[in-house]
Amino acid sequence: MAKRGPLTVRMFVILDRDKDPVPFEDLTPEQVEYCRDKWCENLSRRMSDYYSAHPEQFEALKGREESI
């Protein structure tokens, strides 16, 4: 079987709903910071919603902090 080359990925970000997606590597440092802040906010909200709806899953995480 032929060996394949490494997998590459290009990530695009939509900064303005009325404009086309922009390659992540073309963002300014300020835009990267903005995106990371938004991703963190969204992830925090989603995880909070999930664990509020599934408290047993949150309880299962207790005591596992050391393994993370």
Protein backbone atom coordinates (compact mmCIF):
# COMPACT_ATOMS: atom_id res chain seq x y z
CA MET A 1 0.00 0.00 0.00
CA ALA A 2 1.34 3.41 -0.94
CA LYS A 3 2.32 5.74 1.86
CA ARG A 4 0.30 8.91 1.87
CA GLY A 5 1.53 12.36 2.73
CA PRO A 6 0.50 14.20 5.89
CA LEU A 7 -3.05 15.44 6.15
CA THR A 8 -3.37 19.21 5.94
CA VAL A 9 -6.29 21.35 7.04
CA ARG A 10 -7.31 24.92 6.25
CA MET A 11 -9.63 26.62 8.69
CA PHE A 12 -11.90 29.45 7.60
CA VAL A 13 -13.63 31.93 9.90
CA ILE A 14 -16.76 33.96 9.25
CA LEU A 15 -16.14 37.33 10.88
CA ASP A 16 -19.12 39.10 9.32
CA ARG A 17 -22.26 37.27 8.21
CA ASP A 18 -22.48 39.47 5.11
CA LYS A 19 -18.95 38.64 3.94
CA ASP A 20 -17.10 35.56 2.74
CA PRO A 21 -15.17 33.29 5.13
CA VAL A 22 -11.53 34.27 5.75
CA PRO A 23 -8.63 31.80 6.10
CA PHE A 24 -7.55 31.64 9.76
CA GLU A 25 -3.91 32.24 8.84
CA ASP A 26 -4.90 35.57 7.25
CA LEU A 27 -6.41 36.99 10.45
CA THR A 28 -4.75 39.81 12.34
CA PRO A 29 -3.67 39.13 15.95
CA GLU A 30 -6.68 41.17 17.12
CA GLN A 31 -9.06 39.07 15.02
CA VAL A 32 -7.51 35.85 16.34
CA GLU A 33 -7.97 37.08 19.91
CA TYR A 34 -11.59 38.02 19.15
CA CYS A 35 -12.28 34.56 17.68
CA ARG A 36 -10.66 32.76 20.60
CA ASP A 37 -12.69 34.83 23.07
CA LYS A 38 -15.92 33.96 21.21
CA TRP A 39 -14.98 30.25 21.01
CA CYS A 40 -14.28 30.18 24.75
CA GLU A 41 -17.58 31.93 25.53
CA ASN A 42 -19.52 29.51 23.32
CA LEU A 43 -17.77 26.44 24.71
CA SER A 44 -18.34 27.59 28.29
CA ARG A 45 -22.04 28.20 27.63
CA ARG A 46 -22.51 24.85 25.86
CA MET A 47 -20.71 22.90 28.56
CA SER A 48 -22.68 24.66 31.29
CA ASP A 49 -25.95 23.88 29.48
CA TYR A 50 -24.93 20.24 29.01
CA TYR A 51 -23.81 19.62 32.58
CA SER A 52 -26.88 21.43 33.95
CA ALA A 53 -29.04 19.02 31.98
CA HIS A 54 -26.85 15.99 32.86
CA PRO A 55 -25.61 16.47 36.46
CA GLU A 56 -24.68 12.78 36.68
CA GLN A 57 -22.06 13.34 33.99
CA PHE A 58 -20.60 16.22 35.98
CA GLU A 59 -20.48 14.03 39.11
CA ALA A 60 -18.63 11.36 37.11
CA LEU A 61 -15.87 13.89 36.39
CA LYS A 62 -15.12 14.57 40.04
CA GLY A 63 -11.85 13.03 41.15
CA ARG A 64 -10.55 12.77 37.59
CA GLU A 65 -8.87 16.20 37.50
CA GLU A 66 -5.46 14.64 38.02
CA SER A 67 -5.73 12.51 34.88
CA ILE A 68 -6.52 15.43 32.60
